[in-house]
Amino acid sequence: MSLKGILAISGQSGLFKVLSEGKNNVIVESILTGKRTTVYTNAKMSALEDIAIYTNGEDVPLRQVLKKIAEKENFGPAINVKNPSENIMKYFSDVLPEYDRERVYFSDIKKVISWYNLLQEKGMLDFEEEKKEDEPAEIKSETDK
């Protein structure tokens, strides 16, 4: 699954696809509504491909967390973020038991789950693409030529 070109923008709900980049702005399209808008470079934007979840060991890229949720849910929707907080915390503990409970806040967990649900609903969770990205390229030696 490629999260390239998908942004979370502070102060705006949902996720956005980058359509075009200018000198001082970015034109994005809401994944939720399809509405296009201009976001200026002084806005706080986070690319999903750059986000990782703190764990007690090495940080886990968001892509892998989303894949774990998909596998847990058999590629269906995840728990609704309007459930009681205890249920959401237990759910996330089942998905990523080693997450750092001091540095990963409840609001972060809700964001991850809501992002998963949005991407799943819009059919944007393609894990076959991930396998192709992770496979090493074939290298031909001199004897293969």
Foldseek 3Di string as FASTA:
>chain_A
DDLPQKKDWPPDDAIWGFDDDDDFWTWTAGLVPRDIDIGGPVTDMDRLQPDFFAFPDDTHRLLVLLVLQCVVVVLAAHDQLVPDLVVLVVSSCVSPVGTDPVPQDSVNSSNSNVNSRSCSVSVNNDCVVVVVVPDDDDDDDPVND
